[in-house]
Structures are given as C-alpha cells and as structure tokens.
Amino acid sequence: MPNRVHSKEVKEAALRKLAERGVQLEDIALIVYEMQSPYNTGLKLEMCLDSVKAVLEKRELQHAILVGIELDQLAEKKMLSEPLQSIVEADEGLFGCDETLALGSVFGYGSIAVTTFGHLDKHKIGIIKRLDTKAGKGVHTFLDDLVASIAASAASRIAHRLRDDEERSEQAGRASALPEENAG
C-alpha cells in the first residue's frame, strides 16, 4: 500500500504551483476586496488575504489546484491525447470541465460563493483576466477558473463572517438593553 501524502505536503505543493504559474495570493486578495468592499465598509486588504489563505487550507481546493495546473502544463507540453489536447489548448468555450473542477470547491461556501464564481467567470476580474487571455505564453484553461474559485470562496467567507459579527453585535445590544432584574 502506498504511503499517504500528508496534508501539509499537499498544501505546500498547491501554493508552490500557484506561485510557479505567476499567481500571488495578494492578486487573489485584490479580487476579493473588489467583490466585498461595497458591502463591508471596514474591509481591509489584509482581511481578504487572510480569507484567501483560509480557503486554501481546504484539501479539496488544494487537490483541484494540483489537478488543474497539471492538465494546463501537460497541454503546454502537448502531452494530452487528441482531441483533448486541442480543446484544452484552445480553452474552448463549450469545454466546461475547467469550470466544473473549480466550481466543485466553492460549494462549501454557500450560494454567495457559487454566484460570485459565476460573476468572476463571466467578467474576468484582475489576474483572472490576465490568465484567461489567449495571447502570450502558457495554457491557463484550468488556472483562471481555479483562481476565480479561490476568490469566490474567500469573498463568501468574508460575507458570512460579516453577517455573523453583525448578529453577535445585535444580540449583545439586546442583552445590554435588558433591565437589571431580568439580566440575572
């Protein structure tokens, strides 16, 4: 039986692959900030970066990153069989497997993540646009969608945490408004 791969090793490999492909976590945090700042006036870029790092702790996202980047790299080396080679290399619009792989990892972050992923896939914000452009070197058929997935999940995480904080504040406010005799 083969040895199990430790989750720390998987995480490090996923982060290394992103960096090797020119994706910095700060690039993703900028997308998260753009998506969430209209709804969160106190949002800081550092909070977005922390959220990106938190979603990258998820094993299924790490696995998706490794699989997707591997397929992109194999396409660059022309090592996929036809017709898959041509489809991935051209990032054909009707392919959909790239979105399917990326979309699978956002489900854990609720409908906000799903709709945000759809928005990012359609509008190609920030580094997603650079990765999606067919001009230049490299195949990023899977990577642009994976970055959108990370950003959508991180944005949803922030939205849910904001709501939780608001509800805790409301609850604390109601508790402090109780008369002294009912408070105990």
N, C-alpha and C. Protein backbone atom coordinates (compact mmCIF):
# COMPACT_ATOMS: atom_id res chain seq x y z
N MET A 1 0.85 -1.18 0.00
CA MET A 1 0.00 0.00 0.00
C MET A 1 0.90 1.24 0.00
N PRO A 2 0.62 2.19 -0.90
CA PRO A 2 1.46 3.39 -0.96
C PRO A 2 1.29 4.26 0.29
N ASN A 3 2.32 5.02 0.56
CA ASN A 3 2.26 5.93 1.71
C ASN A 3 1.24 7.03 1.46
N ARG A 4 0.58 7.43 2.54
CA ARG A 4 -0.35 8.55 2.47
C ARG A 4 0.43 9.84 2.38
N VAL A 5 -0.06 10.77 1.59
CA VAL A 5 0.58 12.08 1.46
C VAL A 5 0.02 12.97 2.56
N HIS A 6 0.90 13.55 3.34
CA HIS A 6 0.49 14.42 4.44
C HIS A 6 -0.14 15.69 3.89
N SER A 7 -1.18 16.17 4.57
CA SER A 7 -1.91 17.35 4.10
C SER A 7 -1.02 18.58 4.00
N LYS A 8 -0.02 18.68 4.86
CA LYS A 8 0.91 19.82 4.79
C LYS A 8 1.67 19.80 3.46
N GLU A 9 2.05 18.63 3.01
CA GLU A 9 2.77 18.49 1.75
C GLU A 9 1.87 18.87 0.56
N VAL A 10 0.61 18.48 0.64
CA VAL A 10 -0.34 18.81 -0.43
C VAL A 10 -0.54 20.33 -0.49
N LYS A 11 -0.73 20.94 0.67
CA LYS A 11 -0.92 22.40 0.72
C LYS A 11 0.29 23.12 0.15
N GLU A 12 1.48 22.73 0.58
CA GLU A 12 2.70 23.36 0.08
C GLU A 12 2.84 23.20 -1.42
N ALA A 13 2.49 22.05 -1.94
CA ALA A 13 2.57 21.80 -3.39
C ALA A 13 1.59 22.70 -4.14
N ALA A 14 0.37 22.84 -3.62
CA ALA A 14 -0.63 23.70 -4.27
C ALA A 14 -0.18 25.15 -4.28
N LEU A 15 0.33 25.63 -3.16
CA LEU A 15 0.81 27.02 -3.08
C LEU A 15 2.01 27.23 -4.01
N ARG A 16 2.89 26.25 -4.06
CA ARG A 16 4.06 26.34 -4.94
C ARG A 16 3.64 26.38 -6.41
N LYS A 17 2.67 25.55 -6.77
CA LYS A 17 2.18 25.53 -8.16
C LYS A 17 1.56 26.88 -8.54
N LEU A 18 0.78 27.45 -7.64
CA LEU A 18 0.19 28.77 -7.92
C LEU A 18 1.29 29.79 -8.16
N ALA A 19 2.29 29.81 -7.28
CA ALA A 19 3.39 30.77 -7.41
C ALA A 19 4.17 30.54 -8.70
N GLU A 20 4.43 29.28 -9.04
CA GLU A 20 5.17 28.96 -10.27
C GLU A 20 4.42 29.45 -11.51
N ARG A 21 3.09 29.49 -11.42
CA ARG A 21 2.27 29.93 -12.56
C ARG A 21 2.02 31.44 -12.52
N GLY A 22 2.69 32.13 -11.61
CA GLY A 22 2.59 33.58 -11.56
C GLY A 22 1.42 34.13 -10.78
N VAL A 23 0.79 33.29 -9.97
CA VAL A 23 -0.35 33.73 -9.17
C VAL A 23 0.11 33.97 -7.75
N GLN A 24 0.02 35.22 -7.32
CA GLN A 24 0.33 35.59 -5.95
C GLN A 24 -0.97 35.66 -5.16
N LEU A 25 -0.93 35.28 -3.92
CA LEU A 25 -2.13 35.32 -3.10
C LEU A 25 -2.68 36.74 -2.98
N GLU A 26 -1.81 37.72 -3.04
CA GLU A 26 -2.23 39.12 -3.00
C GLU A 26 -3.09 39.47 -4.21
N ASP A 27 -2.77 38.87 -5.37
CA ASP A 27 -3.57 39.09 -6.58
C ASP A 27 -5.01 38.63 -6.36
N ILE A 28 -5.15 37.50 -5.70
CA ILE A 28 -6.48 36.95 -5.43
C ILE A 28 -7.18 37.81 -4.37
N ALA A 29 -6.43 38.26 -3.37
CA ALA A 29 -7.00 39.11 -2.32
C ALA A 29 -7.55 40.41 -2.91
N LEU A 30 -6.92 40.95 -3.94
CA LEU A 30 -7.42 42.16 -4.59
C LEU A 30 -8.79 41.93 -5.22
N ILE A 31 -8.99 40.76 -5.78
CA ILE A 31 -10.29 40.41 -6.36
C ILE A 31 -11.33 40.31 -5.25
N VAL A 32 -10.96 39.65 -4.17
CA VAL A 32 -11.86 39.50 -3.02
C VAL A 32 -12.26 40.88 -2.50
N TYR A 33 -11.29 41.77 -2.39
CA TYR A 33 -11.57 43.12 -1.91
C TYR A 33 -12.55 43.83 -2.84
N GLU A 34 -12.32 43.72 -4.14
CA GLU A 34 -13.22 44.35 -5.12
C GLU A 34 -14.64 43.79 -5.01
N MET A 35 -14.76 42.50 -4.74
CA MET A 35 -16.07 41.87 -4.67
C MET A 35 -16.80 42.21 -3.36
N GLN A 36 -16.08 42.39 -2.27
CA GLN A 36 -16.72 42.54 -0.95
C GLN A 36 -16.73 43.96 -0.40
N SER A 37 -15.85 44.83 -0.86
CA SER A 37 -15.77 46.18 -0.28
C SER A 37 -17.07 46.98 -0.40
N PRO A 38 -17.88 46.80 -1.45
CA PRO A 38 -19.14 47.55 -1.47
C PRO A 38 -20.09 47.17 -0.33
N TYR A 39 -19.92 46.01 0.24
CA TYR A 39 -20.82 45.52 1.28
C TYR A 39 -20.21 45.59 2.68
N ASN A 40 -18.94 45.92 2.74
CA ASN A 40 -18.21 45.87 4.01
C ASN A 40 -17.29 47.08 4.07
N THR A 41 -17.77 48.16 4.68
CA THR A 41 -17.01 49.42 4.69
C THR A 41 -15.72 49.33 5.49
N GLY A 42 -15.63 48.42 6.43
CA GLY A 42 -14.42 48.28 7.23
C GLY A 42 -13.42 47.27 6.67
N LEU A 43 -13.69 46.77 5.49
CA LEU A 43 -12.84 45.72 4.91
C LEU A 43 -11.45 46.25 4.59
N LYS A 44 -10.46 45.46 4.93
CA LYS A 44 -9.06 45.78 4.63
C LYS A 44 -8.51 44.67 3.74
N LEU A 45 -7.53 45.03 2.93
CA LEU A 45 -6.91 44.05 2.04
C LEU A 45 -6.31 42.89 2.83
N GLU A 46 -5.78 43.17 4.00
CA GLU A 46 -5.20 42.13 4.84
C GLU A 46 -6.25 41.09 5.24
N MET A 47 -7.49 41.54 5.49
CA MET A 47 -8.58 40.61 5.82
C MET A 47 -8.87 39.70 4.62
N CYS A 48 -8.80 40.27 3.44
CA CYS A 48 -9.04 39.49 2.22
C CYS A 48 -7.94 38.45 2.03
N LEU A 49 -6.71 38.85 2.27
CA LEU A 49 -5.58 37.93 2.16
C LEU A 49 -5.71 36.80 3.18
N ASP A 50 -6.11 37.14 4.40
CA ASP A 50 -6.32 36.10 5.42
C ASP A 50 -7.41 35.12 4.99
N SER A 51 -8.45 35.63 4.35
CA SER A 51 -9.54 34.77 3.90
C SER A 51 -9.08 33.86 2.76
N VAL A 52 -8.27 34.40 1.86
CA VAL A 52 -7.70 33.59 0.76
C VAL A 52 -6.87 32.45 1.36
N LYS A 53 -6.03 32.78 2.32
CA LYS A 53 -5.20 31.75 2.96
C LYS A 53 -6.06 30.70 3.66
N ALA A 54 -7.14 31.14 4.27
CA ALA A 54 -8.02 30.20 4.98
C ALA A 54 -8.68 29.23 4.02
N VAL A 55 -9.17 29.71 2.88
CA VAL A 55 -9.83 28.77 1.95
C VAL A 55 -8.82 27.83 1.31
N LEU A 56 -7.58 28.28 1.21
CA LEU A 56 -6.54 27.40 0.66
C LEU A 56 -6.13 26.30 1.62
N GLU A 57 -6.69 26.30 2.82
CA GLU A 57 -6.49 25.21 3.78
C GLU A 57 -7.35 24.00 3.42
N LYS A 58 -8.37 24.21 2.59
CA LYS A 58 -9.30 23.14 2.23
C LYS A 58 -8.63 22.16 1.26
N ARG A 59 -8.63 20.91 1.65
CA ARG A 59 -7.96 19.87 0.88
C ARG A 59 -8.55 19.72 -0.53
N GLU A 60 -9.89 19.80 -0.64
CA GLU A 60 -10.46 19.62 -1.99
C GLU A 60 -10.05 20.73 -2.94
N LEU A 61 -9.83 21.93 -2.42
CA LEU A 61 -9.35 23.02 -3.26
C LEU A 61 -7.88 22.79 -3.64
N GLN A 62 -7.11 22.33 -2.70
CA GLN A 62 -5.71 22.00 -2.99
C GLN A 62 -5.61 20.94 -4.09
N HIS A 63 -6.45 19.93 -3.98
CA HIS A 63 -6.45 18.86 -4.99
C HIS A 63 -6.86 19.41 -6.35
N ALA A 64 -7.88 20.25 -6.38
CA ALA A 64 -8.32 20.85 -7.65
C ALA A 64 -7.21 21.67 -8.28
N ILE A 65 -6.49 22.43 -7.47
CA ILE A 65 -5.37 23.24 -7.97
C ILE A 65 -4.31 22.33 -8.59
N LEU A 66 -3.96 21.27 -7.90
CA LEU A 66 -2.92 20.37 -8.42
C LEU A 66 -3.36 19.70 -9.72
N VAL A 67 -4.59 19.24 -9.78
CA VAL A 67 -5.09 18.57 -10.99
C VAL A 67 -5.18 19.56 -12.15
N GLY A 68 -5.79 20.72 -11.90
CA GLY A 68 -5.98 21.70 -12.97
C GLY A 68 -4.68 22.23 -13.53
N ILE A 69 -3.76 22.58 -12.66
CA ILE A 69 -2.47 23.09 -13.15
C ILE A 69 -1.70 22.01 -13.89
N GLU A 70 -1.79 20.79 -13.40
CA GLU A 70 -1.13 19.67 -14.10
C GLU A 70 -1.67 19.52 -15.52
N LEU A 71 -2.98 19.60 -15.66
CA LEU A 71 -3.58 19.49 -17.01
C LEU A 71 -3.15 20.66 -17.90
N ASP A 72 -3.10 21.87 -17.35
CA ASP A 72 -2.62 23.02 -18.12
C ASP A 72 -1.17 22.79 -18.58
N GLN A 73 -0.34 22.30 -17.68
CA GLN A 73 1.07 22.08 -18.03
C GLN A 73 1.23 20.97 -19.06
N LEU A 74 0.44 19.92 -18.93
CA LEU A 74 0.50 18.85 -19.93
C LEU A 74 0.07 19.37 -21.30
N ALA A 75 -0.92 20.25 -21.33
CA ALA A 75 -1.35 20.84 -22.60
C ALA A 75 -0.25 21.72 -23.19
N GLU A 76 0.47 22.44 -22.35
CA GLU A 76 1.58 23.27 -22.84
C GLU A 76 2.65 22.41 -23.50
N LYS A 77 2.87 21.22 -22.95
CA LYS A 77 3.89 20.30 -23.47
C LYS A 77 3.35 19.43 -24.59
N LYS A 78 2.06 19.65 -24.93
CA LYS A 78 1.39 18.87 -25.98
C LYS A 78 1.40 17.37 -25.65
N MET A 79 1.12 17.07 -24.38
CA MET A 79 1.15 15.69 -23.92
C MET A 79 -0.23 15.09 -23.70
N LEU A 80 -1.28 15.82 -24.04
CA LEU A 80 -2.63 15.27 -23.94
C LEU A 80 -2.99 14.61 -25.27
N SER A 81 -3.83 13.63 -25.22
CA SER A 81 -4.25 12.99 -26.46
C SER A 81 -5.30 13.87 -27.14
N GLU A 82 -5.44 13.71 -28.45
CA GLU A 82 -6.44 14.45 -29.21
C GLU A 82 -7.78 13.74 -29.06
N PRO A 83 -8.85 14.44 -29.04
CA PRO A 83 -8.99 15.88 -29.28
C PRO A 83 -8.83 16.73 -28.02
N LEU A 84 -8.56 16.07 -26.85
CA LEU A 84 -8.45 16.83 -25.61
C LEU A 84 -7.34 17.88 -25.68
N GLN A 85 -6.23 17.55 -26.30
CA GLN A 85 -5.13 18.50 -26.43
C GLN A 85 -5.60 19.80 -27.06
N SER A 86 -6.28 19.71 -28.18
CA SER A 86 -6.74 20.91 -28.89
C SER A 86 -7.79 21.67 -28.09
N ILE A 87 -8.66 20.93 -27.44
CA ILE A 87 -9.74 21.56 -26.66
C ILE A 87 -9.16 22.36 -25.49
N VAL A 88 -8.26 21.74 -24.72
CA VAL A 88 -7.67 22.42 -23.56
C VAL A 88 -6.78 23.56 -24.01
N GLU A 89 -5.97 23.31 -25.01
CA GLU A 89 -5.05 24.35 -25.51
C GLU A 89 -5.81 25.58 -26.00
N ALA A 90 -6.95 25.38 -26.63
CA ALA A 90 -7.74 26.50 -27.15
C ALA A 90 -8.69 27.07 -26.10
N ASP A 91 -8.83 26.40 -24.97
CA ASP A 91 -9.79 26.79 -23.93
C ASP A 91 -11.17 26.99 -24.56
N GLU A 92 -11.61 25.96 -25.25
CA GLU A 92 -12.88 26.03 -25.97
C GLU A 92 -14.03 26.39 -25.02
N GLY A 93 -14.88 27.27 -25.48
CA GLY A 93 -15.98 27.77 -24.67
C GLY A 93 -16.96 26.72 -24.19
N LEU A 94 -17.15 25.67 -24.96
CA LEU A 94 -18.11 24.64 -24.58
C LEU A 94 -17.47 23.49 -23.80
N PHE A 95 -16.20 23.61 -23.47
CA PHE A 95 -15.48 22.54 -22.75
C PHE A 95 -16.10 22.32 -21.38
N GLY A 96 -16.10 23.28 -20.51
CA GLY A 96 -16.80 23.22 -19.23
C GLY A 96 -16.16 22.41 -18.12
N CYS A 97 -15.24 21.52 -18.43
CA CYS A 97 -14.61 20.71 -17.37
C CYS A 97 -13.75 21.58 -16.46
N ASP A 98 -13.19 22.65 -17.01
CA ASP A 98 -12.39 23.56 -16.19
C ASP A 98 -13.27 24.26 -15.15
N GLU A 99 -14.43 24.73 -15.57
CA GLU A 99 -15.36 25.35 -14.62
C GLU A 99 -15.90 24.33 -13.63
N THR A 100 -16.16 23.13 -14.09
CA THR A 100 -16.70 22.08 -13.21
C THR A 100 -15.72 21.75 -12.09
N LEU A 101 -14.45 21.61 -12.43
CA LEU A 101 -13.44 21.32 -11.43
C LEU A 101 -13.37 22.45 -10.40
N ALA A 102 -13.35 23.67 -10.88
CA ALA A 102 -13.25 24.84 -9.98
C ALA A 102 -14.52 25.04 -9.17
N LEU A 103 -15.66 24.85 -9.80
CA LEU A 103 -16.93 25.06 -9.13
C LEU A 103 -17.14 24.09 -7.97
N GLY A 104 -16.63 22.89 -8.11
CA GLY A 104 -16.79 21.89 -7.05
C GLY A 104 -16.26 22.35 -5.71
N SER A 105 -15.24 23.17 -5.73
CA SER A 105 -14.65 23.59 -4.45
C SER A 105 -15.36 24.78 -3.82
N VAL A 106 -16.24 25.47 -4.53
CA VAL A 106 -16.93 26.62 -3.93
C VAL A 106 -18.19 26.21 -3.17
N PHE A 107 -18.69 25.02 -3.42
CA PHE A 107 -19.96 24.61 -2.80
C PHE A 107 -19.92 24.65 -1.28
N GLY A 108 -18.76 24.47 -0.68
CA GLY A 108 -18.65 24.52 0.76
C GLY A 108 -18.83 25.92 1.34
N TYR A 109 -18.89 26.92 0.48
CA TYR A 109 -19.01 28.30 0.95
C TYR A 109 -20.35 28.93 0.59
N GLY A 110 -21.30 28.12 0.19
CA GLY A 110 -22.67 28.58 0.00
C GLY A 110 -22.96 29.24 -1.33
N SER A 111 -24.21 29.68 -1.45
CA SER A 111 -24.69 30.24 -2.72
C SER A 111 -23.97 31.53 -3.09
N ILE A 112 -23.51 32.29 -2.09
CA ILE A 112 -22.76 33.51 -2.41
C ILE A 112 -21.50 33.14 -3.19
N ALA A 113 -20.82 32.10 -2.78
CA ALA A 113 -19.61 31.66 -3.48
C ALA A 113 -19.94 31.21 -4.90
N VAL A 114 -21.04 30.49 -5.05
CA VAL A 114 -21.42 29.99 -6.38
C VAL A 114 -21.74 31.15 -7.32
N THR A 115 -22.54 32.11 -6.86
CA THR A 115 -22.89 33.24 -7.73
C THR A 115 -21.68 34.14 -7.99
N THR A 116 -20.83 34.30 -6.99
CA THR A 116 -19.61 35.10 -7.18
C THR A 116 -18.70 34.42 -8.19
N PHE A 117 -18.59 33.10 -8.11
CA PHE A 117 -17.78 32.37 -9.09
C PHE A 117 -18.32 32.62 -10.50
N GLY A 118 -19.63 32.54 -10.67
CA GLY A 118 -20.22 32.80 -11.98
C GLY A 118 -19.92 34.20 -12.47
N HIS A 119 -20.00 35.17 -11.58
CA HIS A 119 -19.68 36.55 -11.94
C HIS A 119 -18.21 36.68 -12.38
N LEU A 120 -17.32 36.09 -11.61
CA LEU A 120 -15.90 36.17 -11.94
C LEU A 120 -15.57 35.43 -13.23
N ASP A 121 -16.23 34.32 -13.46
CA ASP A 121 -16.01 33.56 -14.69
C ASP A 121 -16.47 34.36 -15.90
N LYS A 122 -17.53 35.11 -15.74
CA LYS A 122 -18.07 35.91 -16.85
C LYS A 122 -17.28 37.20 -17.07
N HIS A 123 -16.93 37.89 -15.98
CA HIS A 123 -16.34 39.23 -16.10
C HIS A 123 -14.82 39.27 -16.01
N LYS A 124 -14.19 38.19 -15.64
CA LYS A 124 -12.72 38.07 -15.65
C LYS A 124 -12.03 39.26 -14.99
N ILE A 125 -12.17 39.38 -13.70
CA ILE A 125 -11.62 40.50 -12.93
C ILE A 125 -10.17 40.21 -12.53
N GLY A 126 -9.34 41.25 -12.56
CA GLY A 126 -7.97 41.17 -12.05
C GLY A 126 -7.12 40.14 -12.76
N ILE A 127 -6.39 39.36 -11.97
CA ILE A 127 -5.47 38.37 -12.53
C ILE A 127 -6.20 37.32 -13.37
N ILE A 128 -7.49 37.11 -13.10
CA ILE A 128 -8.26 36.14 -13.88
C ILE A 128 -8.26 36.56 -15.35
N LYS A 129 -8.39 37.85 -15.61
CA LYS A 129 -8.38 38.34 -16.99
C LYS A 129 -7.03 38.06 -17.66
N ARG A 130 -5.95 38.32 -16.93
CA ARG A 130 -4.61 38.07 -17.49
C ARG A 130 -4.43 36.58 -17.80
N LEU A 131 -4.89 35.73 -16.90
CA LEU A 131 -4.75 34.29 -17.12
C LEU A 131 -5.62 33.79 -18.26
N ASP A 132 -6.77 34.42 -18.43
CA ASP A 132 -7.72 33.97 -19.45
C ASP A 132 -7.31 34.39 -20.86
N THR A 133 -6.47 35.41 -20.98
CA THR A 133 -6.10 35.88 -22.32
C THR A 133 -5.30 34.81 -23.03
N LYS A 134 -5.69 34.56 -24.23
CA LYS A 134 -5.02 33.52 -25.00
C LYS A 134 -3.70 34.02 -25.58
N ALA A 135 -3.53 35.36 -25.64
CA ALA A 135 -2.27 35.93 -26.15
C ALA A 135 -1.19 35.71 -25.10
N GLY A 136 -0.01 35.35 -25.54
CA GLY A 136 1.08 35.14 -24.60
C GLY A 136 1.35 33.66 -24.41
N LYS A 137 2.26 33.39 -23.51
CA LYS A 137 2.70 32.02 -23.30
C LYS A 137 1.86 31.35 -22.22
N GLY A 138 1.79 30.07 -22.33
CA GLY A 138 1.14 29.29 -21.29
C GLY A 138 -0.32 28.98 -21.58
N VAL A 139 -0.72 27.84 -21.08
CA VAL A 139 -2.12 27.43 -21.12
C VAL A 139 -2.64 27.57 -19.70
N HIS A 140 -3.74 28.31 -19.57
CA HIS A 140 -4.32 28.55 -18.24
C HIS A 140 -5.81 28.21 -18.24
N THR A 141 -6.17 27.21 -19.02
CA THR A 141 -7.56 26.82 -19.16
C THR A 141 -8.18 26.51 -17.79
N PHE A 142 -7.48 25.81 -16.97
CA PHE A 142 -7.99 25.46 -15.65
C PHE A 142 -7.64 26.52 -14.60
N LEU A 143 -6.46 27.12 -14.72
CA LEU A 143 -5.98 28.03 -13.68
C LEU A 143 -6.85 29.26 -13.51
N ASP A 144 -7.32 29.86 -14.59
CA ASP A 144 -8.15 31.07 -14.43
C ASP A 144 -9.41 30.75 -13.63
N ASP A 145 -10.01 29.60 -13.86
CA ASP A 145 -11.21 29.21 -13.13
C ASP A 145 -10.89 28.83 -11.68
N LEU A 146 -9.74 28.25 -11.45
CA LEU A 146 -9.34 27.91 -10.09
C LEU A 146 -9.11 29.18 -9.26
N VAL A 147 -8.50 30.19 -9.87
CA VAL A 147 -8.30 31.46 -9.17
C VAL A 147 -9.66 32.09 -8.86
N ALA A 148 -10.59 32.02 -9.82
CA ALA A 148 -11.94 32.54 -9.57
C ALA A 148 -12.60 31.78 -8.41
N SER A 149 -12.36 30.50 -8.33
CA SER A 149 -12.92 29.68 -7.27
C SER A 149 -12.36 30.08 -5.91
N ILE A 150 -11.06 30.30 -5.84
CA ILE A 150 -10.43 30.71 -4.59
C ILE A 150 -10.99 32.07 -4.16
N ALA A 151 -11.05 33.01 -5.11
CA ALA A 151 -11.55 34.35 -4.80
C ALA A 151 -13.02 34.31 -4.38
N ALA A 152 -13.83 33.55 -5.08
CA ALA A 152 -15.26 33.46 -4.74
C ALA A 152 -15.46 32.86 -3.36
N SER A 153 -14.71 31.84 -3.04
CA SER A 153 -14.82 31.20 -1.72
C SER A 153 -14.37 32.16 -0.62
N ALA A 154 -13.28 32.86 -0.85
CA ALA A 154 -12.77 33.81 0.15
C ALA A 154 -13.74 34.97 0.33
N ALA A 155 -14.34 35.44 -0.75
CA ALA A 155 -15.32 36.54 -0.66
C ALA A 155 -16.56 36.08 0.11
N SER A 156 -17.03 34.90 -0.16
CA SER A 156 -18.19 34.36 0.55
C SER A 156 -17.88 34.18 2.03
N ARG A 157 -16.70 33.71 2.32
CA ARG A 157 -16.28 33.54 3.72
C ARG A 157 -16.34 34.87 4.46
N ILE A 158 -15.88 35.93 3.82
CA ILE A 158 -15.92 37.26 4.44
C ILE A 158 -17.37 37.71 4.62
N ALA A 159 -18.20 37.51 3.63
CA ALA A 159 -19.61 37.91 3.73
C ALA A 159 -20.30 37.20 4.88
N HIS A 160 -20.07 35.92 5.01
CA HIS A 160 -20.69 35.16 6.11
C HIS A 160 -20.16 35.61 7.46
N ARG A 161 -18.89 35.89 7.54
CA ARG A 161 -18.32 36.34 8.82
C ARG A 161 -18.84 37.72 9.19
N LEU A 162 -19.03 38.59 8.20
CA LEU A 162 -19.60 39.92 8.47
C LEU A 162 -20.99 39.77 9.07
N ARG A 163 -21.78 38.92 8.47
CA ARG A 163 -23.14 38.69 8.97
C ARG A 163 -23.12 38.13 10.38
N ASP A 164 -22.23 37.18 10.64
CA ASP A 164 -22.10 36.62 11.99
C ASP A 164 -21.73 37.71 12.99
N ASP A 165 -20.79 38.58 12.63
CA ASP A 165 -20.38 39.68 13.51
C ASP A 165 -21.54 40.64 13.78
N GLU A 166 -22.30 40.95 12.73
CA GLU A 166 -23.46 41.85 12.90
C GLU A 166 -24.48 41.23 13.85
N GLU A 167 -24.74 39.95 13.68
CA GLU A 167 -25.71 39.28 14.55
C GLU A 167 -25.23 39.21 15.99
N ARG A 168 -23.94 38.98 16.19
CA ARG A 168 -23.40 38.97 17.56
C ARG A 168 -23.53 40.36 18.19
N SER A 169 -23.28 41.40 17.41
CA SER A 169 -23.42 42.78 17.91
C SER A 169 -24.86 43.09 18.27
N GLU A 170 -25.78 42.68 17.42
CA GLU A 170 -27.21 42.89 17.70
C GLU A 170 -27.62 42.16 18.96
N GLN A 171 -27.16 40.93 19.11
CA GLN A 171 -27.51 40.13 20.28
C GLN A 171 -26.92 40.75 21.55
N ALA A 172 -25.70 41.23 21.45
CA ALA A 172 -25.07 41.88 22.61
C ALA A 172 -25.81 43.16 22.96
N GLY A 173 -26.26 43.88 21.95
CA GLY A 173 -27.02 45.11 22.19
C GLY A 173 -28.34 44.84 22.86
N ARG A 174 -29.02 43.79 22.45
CA ARG A 174 -30.30 43.41 23.08
C ARG A 174 -30.08 42.96 24.52
N ALA A 175 -29.01 42.24 24.75
CA ALA A 175 -28.73 41.75 26.11
C ALA A 175 -28.41 42.90 27.05
N SER A 176 -27.71 43.90 26.56
CA SER A 176 -27.35 45.02 27.43
C SER A 176 -28.54 45.95 27.65
N ALA A 177 -29.56 45.85 26.82
CA ALA A 177 -30.76 46.68 26.97
C ALA A 177 -31.77 46.10 27.95
N LEU A 178 -31.55 44.87 28.40
CA LEU A 178 -32.46 44.23 29.36
C LEU A 178 -32.38 44.96 30.70
N PRO A 179 -33.51 45.08 31.38
CA PRO A 179 -33.49 45.66 32.72
C PRO A 179 -32.64 44.80 33.66
N GLU A 180 -32.08 45.44 34.68
CA GLU A 180 -31.18 44.76 35.62
C GLU A 180 -31.81 43.51 36.22
N GLU A 181 -33.07 43.56 36.64
CA GLU A 181 -33.68 42.41 37.31
C GLU A 181 -33.86 41.23 36.36
N ASN A 182 -34.00 41.47 35.04
CA ASN A 182 -34.17 40.37 34.09
C ASN A 182 -32.82 39.86 33.57
N ALA A 183 -31.79 40.61 33.79
CA ALA A 183 -30.49 40.25 33.24
C ALA A 183 -29.87 39.06 34.00
N GLY A 184 -30.22 38.85 35.21
CA GLY A 184 -29.57 37.82 36.01
C GLY A 184 -30.31 36.59 36.02
